[in-house]
Amino acid sequence: MQNTSKQYDAVIETCRSLFINKMSDYGSAWRILRLPSLTDQIFIKAQRIRSLQQNEVRKVDEGEKSEFIGIINYCIMALIQLEKGVVEQPDLTTKEATVLYDKKVNITKQLMLDKNHDYGEAWRDMRVSSLTDLILQKLLRVKQIEDNAGKTIVSEGIDANYQDMINYAIFAMIHLSNTNSK
């Protein structure tokens, strides 16, 4: 599991670097996005990944990795929005947003470590396409919870679904890195 932790951190460093660079370019404009808008952005990314996995012809020269990075970063933004609420104007500096980003990553990584311990790293035997399908399933669950005004009867909340999507996307990135390095 030590290797998983290092691989996880490497993926997050790539995502975090892009997040910081985009904060430098755009500021915290994403802070105005309501949760359903973030969910829809994640959905678009996951649908594109599924399409790339099913279609032989690609008309845009971007692969699965950039879309998984987008899923990870949008999910982290959603977790921040859950904590801080939506605003009418950008309100975070790059430093403030990065602190929140790191906080959400640390909580989500701990969840991964705990689940990984209990599940025995079963994800390593999964296909990237299955991880994509699980992300899409989680998105449909989130959309339903959003349609129910956030109320659930027996299910975990929206935050747990975003965390699972982050972890599935990171697992997919690790698989894709392993495939490309062989």
C-alpha atoms as a PDB file:
ATOM      1  CA  MET A   1       0.000   0.000   0.000  1.00  0.00           C
ATOM      2  CA  GLN A   2       3.052   2.243   0.381  1.00  0.00           C
ATOM      3  CA  ASN A   3       3.347   2.313  -3.420  1.00  0.00           C
ATOM      4  CA  THR A   4      -0.303   3.319  -3.728  1.00  0.00           C
ATOM      5  CA  SER A   5       0.264   6.285  -1.429  1.00  0.00           C
ATOM      6  CA  LYS A   6       3.234   7.490  -3.515  1.00  0.00           C
ATOM      7  CA  GLN A   7       1.355   6.972  -6.792  1.00  0.00           C
ATOM      8  CA  TYR A   8      -1.657   8.813  -5.346  1.00  0.00           C
ATOM      9  CA  ASP A   9       0.534  11.745  -4.327  1.00  0.00           C
ATOM     10  CA  ALA A  10       2.109  11.905  -7.794  1.00  0.00           C
ATOM     11  CA  VAL A  11      -1.305  12.122  -9.466  1.00  0.00           C
ATOM     12  CA  ILE A  12      -2.445  14.767  -6.990  1.00  0.00           C
ATOM     13  CA  GLU A  13       0.688  16.813  -7.593  1.00  0.00           C
ATOM     14  CA  THR A  14      -0.138  16.931 -11.325  1.00  0.00           C
ATOM     15  CA  CYS A  15      -3.743  17.953 -10.568  1.00  0.00           C
ATOM     16  CA  ARG A  16      -2.733  20.469  -7.907  1.00  0.00           C
ATOM     17  CA  SER A  17      -0.203  22.107 -10.208  1.00  0.00           C
ATOM     18  CA  LEU A  18      -2.848  22.579 -12.902  1.00  0.00           C
ATOM     19  CA  PHE A  19      -5.307  23.906 -10.292  1.00  0.00           C
ATOM     20  CA  ILE A  20      -2.768  26.497  -9.099  1.00  0.00           C
ATOM     21  CA  ASN A  21      -1.901  27.534 -12.659  1.00  0.00           C
ATOM     22  CA  LYS A  22      -5.572  27.951 -13.533  1.00  0.00           C
ATOM     23  CA  MET A  23      -6.082  29.973 -10.350  1.00  0.00           C
ATOM     24  CA  SER A  24      -3.286  32.253 -11.584  1.00  0.00           C
ATOM     25  CA  ASP A  25      -4.994  32.609 -14.980  1.00  0.00           C
ATOM     26  CA  TYR A  26      -8.634  32.854 -13.890  1.00  0.00           C
ATOM     27  CA  GLY A  27      -8.674  33.535 -10.166  1.00  0.00           C
ATOM     28  CA  SER A  28     -11.409  31.832  -8.184  1.00  0.00           C
ATOM     29  CA  ALA A  29     -14.146  32.404 -10.780  1.00  0.00           C
ATOM     30  CA  TRP A  30     -15.243  28.799 -10.124  1.00  0.00           C
ATOM     31  CA  ARG A  31     -16.522  29.915  -6.697  1.00  0.00           C
ATOM     32  CA  ILE A  32     -19.729  31.200  -8.339  1.00  0.00           C
ATOM     33  CA  LEU A  33     -20.616  27.699  -9.603  1.00  0.00           C
ATOM     34  CA  ARG A  34     -23.494  25.986  -7.859  1.00  0.00           C
ATOM     35  CA  LEU A  35     -23.090  22.286  -7.075  1.00  0.00           C
ATOM     36  CA  PRO A  36     -25.300  21.084  -9.952  1.00  0.00           C
ATOM     37  CA  SER A  37     -23.098  23.076 -12.359  1.00  0.00           C
ATOM     38  CA  LEU A  38     -19.972  21.401 -10.996  1.00  0.00           C
ATOM     39  CA  THR A  39     -21.696  18.016 -11.133  1.00  0.00           C
ATOM     40  CA  ASP A  40     -22.572  18.659 -14.779  1.00  0.00           C
ATOM     41  CA  GLN A  41     -18.968  19.602 -15.586  1.00  0.00           C
ATOM     42  CA  ILE A  42     -17.774  16.348 -14.023  1.00  0.00           C
ATOM     43  CA  PHE A  43     -20.485  14.469 -15.936  1.00  0.00           C
ATOM     44  CA  ILE A  44     -19.295  15.952 -19.246  1.00  0.00           C
ATOM     45  CA  LYS A  45     -15.724  14.851 -18.491  1.00  0.00           C
ATOM     46  CA  ALA A  46     -16.797  11.318 -17.517  1.00  0.00           C
ATOM     47  CA  GLN A  47     -19.019  10.991 -20.598  1.00  0.00           C
ATOM     48  CA  ARG A  48     -16.118  12.060 -22.813  1.00  0.00           C
ATOM     49  CA  ILE A  49     -13.859   9.449 -21.208  1.00  0.00           C
ATOM     50  CA  ARG A  50     -16.479   6.773 -21.827  1.00  0.00           C
ATOM     51  CA  SER A  51     -16.820   7.944 -25.417  1.00  0.00           C
ATOM     52  CA  LEU A  52     -13.032   7.816 -25.892  1.00  0.00           C
ATOM     53  CA  GLN A  53     -13.009   4.283 -24.491  1.00  0.00           C
ATOM     54  CA  GLN A  54     -15.752   3.146 -26.879  1.00  0.00           C
ATOM     55  CA  ASN A  55     -14.898   5.011 -30.090  1.00  0.00           C
ATOM     56  CA  GLU A  56     -11.860   4.401 -32.253  1.00  0.00           C
ATOM     57  CA  VAL A  57     -11.932   7.836 -33.891  1.00  0.00           C
ATOM     58  CA  ARG A  58     -10.928  10.896 -31.851  1.00  0.00           C
ATOM     59  CA  LYS A  59     -11.569  14.357 -33.243  1.00  0.00           C
ATOM     60  CA  VAL A  60     -10.045  16.318 -30.343  1.00  0.00           C
ATOM     61  CA  ASP A  61      -6.415  15.678 -29.471  1.00  0.00           C
ATOM     62  CA  GLU A  62      -6.875  15.220 -25.727  1.00  0.00           C
ATOM     63  CA  GLY A  63      -6.917  11.842 -24.075  1.00  0.00           C
ATOM     64  CA  GLU A  64      -8.398  10.300 -20.975  1.00  0.00           C
ATOM     65  CA  LYS A  65      -5.761  11.622 -18.569  1.00  0.00           C
ATOM     66  CA  SER A  66      -6.672  15.285 -18.996  1.00  0.00           C
ATOM     67  CA  GLU A  67     -10.339  14.428 -18.450  1.00  0.00           C
ATOM     68  CA  PHE A  68      -9.578  12.439 -15.278  1.00  0.00           C
ATOM     69  CA  ILE A  69      -7.538  15.414 -14.020  1.00  0.00           C
ATOM     70  CA  GLY A  70     -10.577  17.594 -14.693  1.00  0.00           C
ATOM     71  CA  ILE A  71     -12.802  15.207 -12.737  1.00  0.00           C
ATOM     72  CA  ILE A  72     -10.435  15.281  -9.775  1.00  0.00           C
ATOM     73  CA  ASN A  73     -10.147  19.066  -9.720  1.00  0.00           C
ATOM     74  CA  TYR A  74     -13.862  19.707 -10.232  1.00  0.00           C
ATOM     75  CA  CYS A  75     -14.691  17.254  -7.427  1.00  0.00           C
ATOM     76  CA  ILE A  76     -12.286  19.057  -5.110  1.00  0.00           C
ATOM     77  CA  MET A  77     -13.902  22.371  -6.068  1.00  0.00           C
ATOM     78  CA  ALA A  78     -17.296  20.835  -5.281  1.00  0.00           C
ATOM     79  CA  LEU A  79     -16.069  19.721  -1.852  1.00  0.00           C
ATOM     80  CA  ILE A  80     -14.839  23.264  -1.208  1.00  0.00           C
ATOM     81  CA  GLN A  81     -18.207  24.650  -2.324  1.00  0.00           C
ATOM     82  CA  LEU A  82     -19.981  22.259   0.057  1.00  0.00           C
ATOM     83  CA  GLU A  83     -17.910  23.624   2.930  1.00  0.00           C
ATOM     84  CA  LYS A  84     -17.812  27.328   2.055  1.00  0.00           C
ATOM     85  CA  GLY A  85     -20.993  27.805   0.056  1.00  0.00           C
ATOM     86  CA  VAL A  86     -21.449  29.477  -3.306  1.00  0.00           C
ATOM     87  CA  VAL A  87     -20.568  33.164  -3.702  1.00  0.00           C
ATOM     88  CA  GLU A  88     -21.611  35.868  -6.154  1.00  0.00           C
ATOM     89  CA  GLN A  89     -18.037  37.062  -6.799  1.00  0.00           C
ATOM     90  CA  PRO A  90     -14.657  35.303  -6.677  1.00  0.00           C
ATOM     91  CA  ASP A  91     -13.402  35.541  -3.099  1.00  0.00           C
ATOM     92  CA  LEU A  92     -10.326  33.349  -2.682  1.00  0.00           C
ATOM     93  CA  THR A  93      -6.680  34.042  -3.358  1.00  0.00           C
ATOM     94  CA  THR A  94      -4.582  31.300  -4.898  1.00  0.00           C
ATOM     95  CA  LYS A  95      -3.010  30.668  -1.496  1.00  0.00           C
ATOM     96  CA  GLU A  96      -6.391  30.380   0.272  1.00  0.00           C
ATOM     97  CA  ALA A  97      -7.799  28.106  -2.427  1.00  0.00           C
ATOM     98  CA  THR A  98      -4.697  25.908  -2.334  1.00  0.00           C
ATOM     99  CA  VAL A  99      -4.979  25.483   1.439  1.00  0.00           C
ATOM    100  CA  LEU A 100      -8.603  24.370   0.996  1.00  0.00           C
ATOM    101  CA  TYR A 101      -7.601  22.109  -1.914  1.00  0.00           C
ATOM    102  CA  ASP A 102      -4.928  20.411   0.212  1.00  0.00           C
ATOM    103  CA  LYS A 103      -7.369  19.991   3.114  1.00  0.00           C
ATOM    104  CA  LYS A 104      -9.915  18.223   0.872  1.00  0.00           C
ATOM    105  CA  VAL A 105      -7.201  16.052  -0.688  1.00  0.00           C
ATOM    106  CA  ASN A 106      -5.887  14.985   2.716  1.00  0.00           C
ATOM    107  CA  ILE A 107      -9.355  13.939   3.908  1.00  0.00           C
ATOM    108  CA  THR A 108     -10.049  12.114   0.640  1.00  0.00           C
ATOM    109  CA  LYS A 109      -6.677  10.355   0.663  1.00  0.00           C
ATOM    110  CA  GLN A 110      -7.283   9.122   4.204  1.00  0.00           C
ATOM    111  CA  LEU A 111     -10.637   7.732   3.066  1.00  0.00           C
ATOM    112  CA  MET A 112      -8.833   5.952   0.215  1.00  0.00           C
ATOM    113  CA  LEU A 113      -6.230   4.492   2.581  1.00  0.00           C
ATOM    114  CA  ASP A 114      -8.941   3.230   4.943  1.00  0.00           C
ATOM    115  CA  LYS A 115     -11.016   1.687   2.146  1.00  0.00           C
ATOM    116  CA  ASN A 116      -7.924   0.357   0.406  1.00  0.00           C
ATOM    117  CA  HIS A 117      -6.979  -1.446   3.612  1.00  0.00           C
ATOM    118  CA  ASP A 118     -10.422  -3.013   3.922  1.00  0.00           C
ATOM    119  CA  TYR A 119     -10.791  -3.887   0.222  1.00  0.00           C
ATOM    120  CA  GLY A 120      -7.228  -5.150  -0.218  1.00  0.00           C
ATOM    121  CA  GLU A 121      -6.422  -2.905  -3.197  1.00  0.00           C
ATOM    122  CA  ALA A 122      -9.097  -4.592  -5.324  1.00  0.00           C
ATOM    123  CA  TRP A 123      -9.011  -1.577  -7.654  1.00  0.00           C
ATOM    124  CA  ARG A 124      -5.677  -2.785  -9.022  1.00  0.00           C
ATOM    125  CA  ASP A 125      -7.521  -5.665 -10.736  1.00  0.00           C
ATOM    126  CA  MET A 126     -10.178  -3.374 -12.197  1.00  0.00           C
ATOM    127  CA  ARG A 127     -10.241  -1.974 -15.703  1.00  0.00           C
ATOM    128  CA  VAL A 128     -10.098   1.764 -16.370  1.00  0.00           C
ATOM    129  CA  SER A 129     -13.453   1.404 -18.149  1.00  0.00           C
ATOM    130  CA  SER A 130     -14.999  -0.003 -14.960  1.00  0.00           C
ATOM    131  CA  LEU A 131     -13.636   2.905 -12.929  1.00  0.00           C
ATOM    132  CA  THR A 132     -15.164   5.257 -15.502  1.00  0.00           C
ATOM    133  CA  ASP A 133     -18.526   3.510 -15.146  1.00  0.00           C
ATOM    134  CA  LEU A 134     -18.341   3.796 -11.361  1.00  0.00           C
ATOM    135  CA  ILE A 135     -17.672   7.529 -11.675  1.00  0.00           C
ATOM    136  CA  LEU A 136     -20.706   7.868 -13.945  1.00  0.00           C
ATOM    137  CA  GLN A 137     -22.813   5.873 -11.479  1.00  0.00           C
ATOM    138  CA  LYS A 138     -21.703   8.159  -8.630  1.00  0.00           C
ATOM    139  CA  LEU A 139     -22.589  11.176 -10.777  1.00  0.00           C
ATOM    140  CA  LEU A 140     -26.087   9.856 -11.377  1.00  0.00           C
ATOM    141  CA  ARG A 141     -26.433   9.340  -7.624  1.00  0.00           C
ATOM    142  CA  VAL A 142     -25.278  12.897  -6.942  1.00  0.00           C
ATOM    143  CA  LYS A 143     -27.718  14.261  -9.514  1.00  0.00           C
ATOM    144  CA  GLN A 144     -30.538  12.359  -7.812  1.00  0.00           C
ATOM    145  CA  ILE A 145     -29.519  13.663  -4.386  1.00  0.00           C
ATOM    146  CA  GLU A 146     -29.370  17.187  -5.816  1.00  0.00           C
ATOM    147  CA  ASP A 147     -32.844  16.690  -7.312  1.00  0.00           C
ATOM    148  CA  ASN A 148     -33.992  15.584  -3.832  1.00  0.00           C
ATOM    149  CA  ALA A 149     -32.699  18.880  -2.383  1.00  0.00           C
ATOM    150  CA  GLY A 150     -29.805  17.060  -0.715  1.00  0.00           C
ATOM    151  CA  LYS A 151     -32.004  14.740   1.322  1.00  0.00           C
ATOM    152  CA  THR A 152     -31.197  11.042   1.592  1.00  0.00           C
ATOM    153  CA  ILE A 153     -32.859   8.287   3.591  1.00  0.00           C
ATOM    154  CA  VAL A 154     -30.109   5.695   3.979  1.00  0.00           C
ATOM    155  CA  SER A 155     -27.412   6.806   1.541  1.00  0.00           C
ATOM    156  CA  GLU A 156     -24.139   8.599   2.068  1.00  0.00           C
ATOM    157  CA  GLY A 157     -24.140  12.280   1.252  1.00  0.00           C
ATOM    158  CA  ILE A 158     -22.914  14.172  -1.756  1.00  0.00           C
ATOM    159  CA  ASP A 159     -19.468  14.733  -0.245  1.00  0.00           C
ATOM    160  CA  ALA A 160     -18.764  10.992   0.013  1.00  0.00           C
ATOM    161  CA  ASN A 161     -19.724  10.559  -3.645  1.00  0.00           C
ATOM    162  CA  TYR A 162     -17.356  13.342  -4.736  1.00  0.00           C
ATOM    163  CA  GLN A 163     -14.593  11.746  -2.647  1.00  0.00           C
ATOM    164  CA  ASP A 164     -15.201   8.349  -4.245  1.00  0.00           C
ATOM    165  CA  MET A 165     -15.070   9.928  -7.718  1.00  0.00           C
ATOM    166  CA  ILE A 166     -11.728  11.547  -6.871  1.00  0.00           C
ATOM    167  CA  ASN A 167     -10.344   8.225  -5.716  1.00  0.00           C
ATOM    168  CA  TYR A 168     -11.674   6.303  -8.744  1.00  0.00           C
ATOM    169  CA  ALA A 169     -10.198   8.926 -11.082  1.00  0.00           C
ATOM    170  CA  ILE A 170      -6.834   8.712  -9.320  1.00  0.00           C
ATOM    171  CA  PHE A 171      -6.897   4.921  -9.590  1.00  0.00           C
ATOM    172  CA  ALA A 172      -7.623   5.273 -13.313  1.00  0.00           C
ATOM    173  CA  MET A 173      -4.707   7.694 -13.688  1.00  0.00           C
ATOM    174  CA  ILE A 174      -2.403   5.233 -11.914  1.00  0.00           C
ATOM    175  CA  HIS A 175      -3.551   2.463 -14.277  1.00  0.00           C
ATOM    176  CA  LEU A 176      -3.024   4.692 -17.315  1.00  0.00           C
ATOM    177  CA  SER A 177       0.457   5.666 -16.090  1.00  0.00           C
ATOM    178  CA  ASN A 178       1.354   2.016 -15.568  1.00  0.00           C
ATOM    179  CA  THR A 179       0.102   1.148 -19.068  1.00  0.00           C
ATOM    180  CA  ASN A 180       2.095   3.970 -20.672  1.00  0.00           C
ATOM    181  CA  SER A 181       5.281   3.095 -18.798  1.00  0.00           C
ATOM    182  CA  LYS A 182       5.345  -0.539 -19.965  1.00  0.00           C
END
